[in-house]
Amino acid sequence: MKSLGETIRSLRETRGLLIREVAAGLGIDPSLLSRIERGVKRPTRAQVVMLAKILGVDEHELLVAYLSDKVVYELEGEELALKAMRVAEKRLTYSRARSRKSGKGK
């Protein structure tokens, strides 16, 4: 499975865009985008949304990669990571159901 950085690089290259072009669209230095693509630096959520627009993809595609990278970063090396993920999934499902019942659903 590709990381967010690998996904960004692949999309950029497939579209024939130079790193400096995409970086300019984001308003960041090309070296920072390079570090994001290599997984050395993590982008902000706002940068991910902007990248989706620049690269012409559904922002959900990149946001899922962004969020999964965050989870992996936090849990990598944890012996109980998968068990914790299952519990977290149940909690998120429960929380979402409660929000919908109270009319606070997103």
C-alpha atoms as a PDB file:
ATOM      1  CA  MET A   1       0.000   0.000   0.000  1.00  0.00           C
ATOM      2  CA  LYS A   2       1.240   3.451  -0.875  1.00  0.00           C
ATOM      3  CA  SER A   3       1.854   6.147   1.690  1.00  0.00           C
ATOM      4  CA  LEU A   4       0.437   9.627   1.178  1.00  0.00           C
ATOM      5  CA  GLY A   5       3.790  10.874  -0.091  1.00  0.00           C
ATOM      6  CA  GLU A   6       4.100   8.029  -2.586  1.00  0.00           C
ATOM      7  CA  THR A   7       0.549   8.681  -3.759  1.00  0.00           C
ATOM      8  CA  ILE A   8       1.247  12.390  -4.241  1.00  0.00           C
ATOM      9  CA  ARG A   9       4.433  11.695  -6.200  1.00  0.00           C
ATOM     10  CA  SER A  10       2.707   9.117  -8.385  1.00  0.00           C
ATOM     11  CA  LEU A  11      -0.203  11.456  -9.166  1.00  0.00           C
ATOM     12  CA  ARG A  12       2.133  14.373  -9.861  1.00  0.00           C
ATOM     13  CA  GLU A  13       4.331  12.340 -12.200  1.00  0.00           C
ATOM     14  CA  THR A  14       1.344  10.767 -13.986  1.00  0.00           C
ATOM     15  CA  ARG A  15       0.057  14.259 -14.736  1.00  0.00           C
ATOM     16  CA  GLY A  16       3.459  15.421 -15.953  1.00  0.00           C
ATOM     17  CA  LEU A  17       3.754  18.103 -13.281  1.00  0.00           C
ATOM     18  CA  LEU A  18       7.089  19.264 -11.951  1.00  0.00           C
ATOM     19  CA  ILE A  19       7.643  19.393  -8.229  1.00  0.00           C
ATOM     20  CA  ARG A  20       8.189  23.151  -8.427  1.00  0.00           C
ATOM     21  CA  GLU A  21       4.834  23.631 -10.193  1.00  0.00           C
ATOM     22  CA  VAL A  22       2.889  21.766  -7.526  1.00  0.00           C
ATOM     23  CA  ALA A  23       4.866  23.445  -4.740  1.00  0.00           C
ATOM     24  CA  ALA A  24       4.075  26.865  -6.236  1.00  0.00           C
ATOM     25  CA  GLY A  25       0.367  25.978  -6.266  1.00  0.00           C
ATOM     26  CA  LEU A  26       0.639  25.094  -2.583  1.00  0.00           C
ATOM     27  CA  GLY A  27       2.684  28.186  -1.775  1.00  0.00           C
ATOM     28  CA  ILE A  28       5.549  26.130  -0.344  1.00  0.00           C
ATOM     29  CA  ASP A  29       9.187  25.562  -1.196  1.00  0.00           C
ATOM     30  CA  PRO A  30       9.839  22.667  -3.615  1.00  0.00           C
ATOM     31  CA  SER A  31      12.206  21.112  -1.064  1.00  0.00           C
ATOM     32  CA  LEU A  32       9.318  20.862   1.417  1.00  0.00           C
ATOM     33  CA  LEU A  33       7.133  19.101  -1.150  1.00  0.00           C
ATOM     34  CA  SER A  34      10.027  16.753  -1.878  1.00  0.00           C
ATOM     35  CA  ARG A  35      10.240  15.901   1.824  1.00  0.00           C
ATOM     36  CA  ILE A  36       6.481  15.298   1.903  1.00  0.00           C
ATOM     37  CA  GLU A  37       6.722  12.957  -1.077  1.00  0.00           C
ATOM     38  CA  ARG A  38       9.577  11.050   0.571  1.00  0.00           C
ATOM     39  CA  GLY A  39       7.665  10.750   3.847  1.00  0.00           C
ATOM     40  CA  VAL A  40      10.191  12.841   5.777  1.00  0.00           C
ATOM     41  CA  LYS A  41       7.654  15.604   6.495  1.00  0.00           C
ATOM     42  CA  ARG A  42       3.898  15.352   6.930  1.00  0.00           C
ATOM     43  CA  PRO A  43       1.624  17.901   5.244  1.00  0.00           C
ATOM     44  CA  THR A  44      -1.188  19.705   6.999  1.00  0.00           C
ATOM     45  CA  ARG A  45      -4.773  18.712   6.310  1.00  0.00           C
ATOM     46  CA  ALA A  46      -5.266  22.003   4.425  1.00  0.00           C
ATOM     47  CA  GLN A  47      -2.267  21.205   2.216  1.00  0.00           C
ATOM     48  CA  VAL A  48      -3.727  17.770   1.466  1.00  0.00           C
ATOM     49  CA  VAL A  49      -7.033  19.334   0.385  1.00  0.00           C
ATOM     50  CA  MET A  50      -5.164  21.829  -1.813  1.00  0.00           C
ATOM     51  CA  LEU A  51      -3.030  19.022  -3.291  1.00  0.00           C
ATOM     52  CA  ALA A  52      -6.195  17.162  -4.281  1.00  0.00           C
ATOM     53  CA  LYS A  53      -7.375  20.234  -6.199  1.00  0.00           C
ATOM     54  CA  ILE A  54      -4.002  20.784  -7.853  1.00  0.00           C
ATOM     55  CA  LEU A  55      -3.686  17.116  -8.821  1.00  0.00           C
ATOM     56  CA  GLY A  56      -7.319  16.851  -9.932  1.00  0.00           C
ATOM     57  CA  VAL A  57      -8.372  14.024  -7.627  1.00  0.00           C
ATOM     58  CA  ASP A  58     -11.158  13.569  -5.116  1.00  0.00           C
ATOM     59  CA  GLU A  59      -9.950  15.044  -1.840  1.00  0.00           C
ATOM     60  CA  HIS A  60     -11.300  11.994   0.013  1.00  0.00           C
ATOM     61  CA  GLU A  61      -8.708   9.831  -1.749  1.00  0.00           C
ATOM     62  CA  LEU A  62      -5.847  11.900  -0.368  1.00  0.00           C
ATOM     63  CA  LEU A  63      -7.482  12.510   3.016  1.00  0.00           C
ATOM     64  CA  VAL A  64      -7.846   8.764   3.597  1.00  0.00           C
ATOM     65  CA  ALA A  65      -4.133   8.326   2.826  1.00  0.00           C
ATOM     66  CA  TYR A  66      -3.332  11.301   5.098  1.00  0.00           C
ATOM     67  CA  LEU A  67      -5.331   9.909   8.013  1.00  0.00           C
ATOM     68  CA  SER A  68      -4.020   6.377   7.576  1.00  0.00           C
ATOM     69  CA  ASP A  69      -0.452   7.720   7.577  1.00  0.00           C
ATOM     70  CA  LYS A  70      -1.206   9.498  10.873  1.00  0.00           C
ATOM     71  CA  VAL A  71      -2.537   6.302  12.415  1.00  0.00           C
ATOM     72  CA  VAL A  72       0.411   4.225  11.203  1.00  0.00           C
ATOM     73  CA  TYR A  73       2.868   6.839  12.483  1.00  0.00           C
ATOM     74  CA  GLU A  74       1.298   6.766  15.945  1.00  0.00           C
ATOM     75  CA  LEU A  75       0.847   2.997  16.227  1.00  0.00           C
ATOM     76  CA  GLU A  76       3.825   1.602  14.326  1.00  0.00           C
ATOM     77  CA  GLY A  77       5.767  -0.769  16.537  1.00  0.00           C
ATOM     78  CA  GLU A  78       2.984  -1.082  19.107  1.00  0.00           C
ATOM     79  CA  GLU A  79       2.306  -4.701  19.975  1.00  0.00           C
ATOM     80  CA  LEU A  80      -1.391  -4.032  20.567  1.00  0.00           C
ATOM     81  CA  ALA A  81      -1.893  -1.746  17.565  1.00  0.00           C
ATOM     82  CA  LEU A  82      -4.403  -3.922  15.709  1.00  0.00           C
ATOM     83  CA  LYS A  83      -6.445  -4.585  18.834  1.00  0.00           C
ATOM     84  CA  ALA A  84      -6.475  -0.862  19.595  1.00  0.00           C
ATOM     85  CA  MET A  85      -7.608  -0.149  16.023  1.00  0.00           C
ATOM     86  CA  ARG A  86     -10.556  -2.538  16.370  1.00  0.00           C
ATOM     87  CA  VAL A  87     -11.614  -0.845  19.604  1.00  0.00           C
ATOM     88  CA  ALA A  88     -11.205   2.597  18.030  1.00  0.00           C
ATOM     89  CA  GLU A  89     -13.334   1.530  15.056  1.00  0.00           C
ATOM     90  CA  LYS A  90     -16.127   0.448  17.397  1.00  0.00           C
ATOM     91  CA  ARG A  91     -15.875   3.704  19.327  1.00  0.00           C
ATOM     92  CA  LEU A  92     -16.010   5.778  16.142  1.00  0.00           C
ATOM     93  CA  THR A  93     -19.030   3.831  14.905  1.00  0.00           C
ATOM     94  CA  TYR A  94     -20.799   4.332  18.238  1.00  0.00           C
ATOM     95  CA  SER A  95     -19.917   8.023  18.338  1.00  0.00           C
ATOM     96  CA  ARG A  96     -21.155   8.548  14.791  1.00  0.00           C
ATOM     97  CA  ALA A  97     -24.458   6.788  15.559  1.00  0.00           C
ATOM     98  CA  ARG A  98     -24.977   8.973  18.640  1.00  0.00           C
ATOM     99  CA  SER A  99     -24.237  12.116  16.642  1.00  0.00           C
ATOM    100  CA  ARG A 100     -26.785  11.168  13.991  1.00  0.00           C
ATOM    101  CA  LYS A 101     -29.463  10.493  16.599  1.00  0.00           C
ATOM    102  CA  SER A 102     -28.906  13.881  18.196  1.00  0.00           C
ATOM    103  CA  GLY A 103     -28.846  15.648  14.826  1.00  0.00           C
ATOM    104  CA  LYS A 104     -25.173  16.545  15.012  1.00  0.00           C
ATOM    105  CA  GLY A 105     -24.054  14.249  12.169  1.00  0.00           C
ATOM    106  CA  LYS A 106     -21.463  15.544   9.739  1.00  0.00           C
END
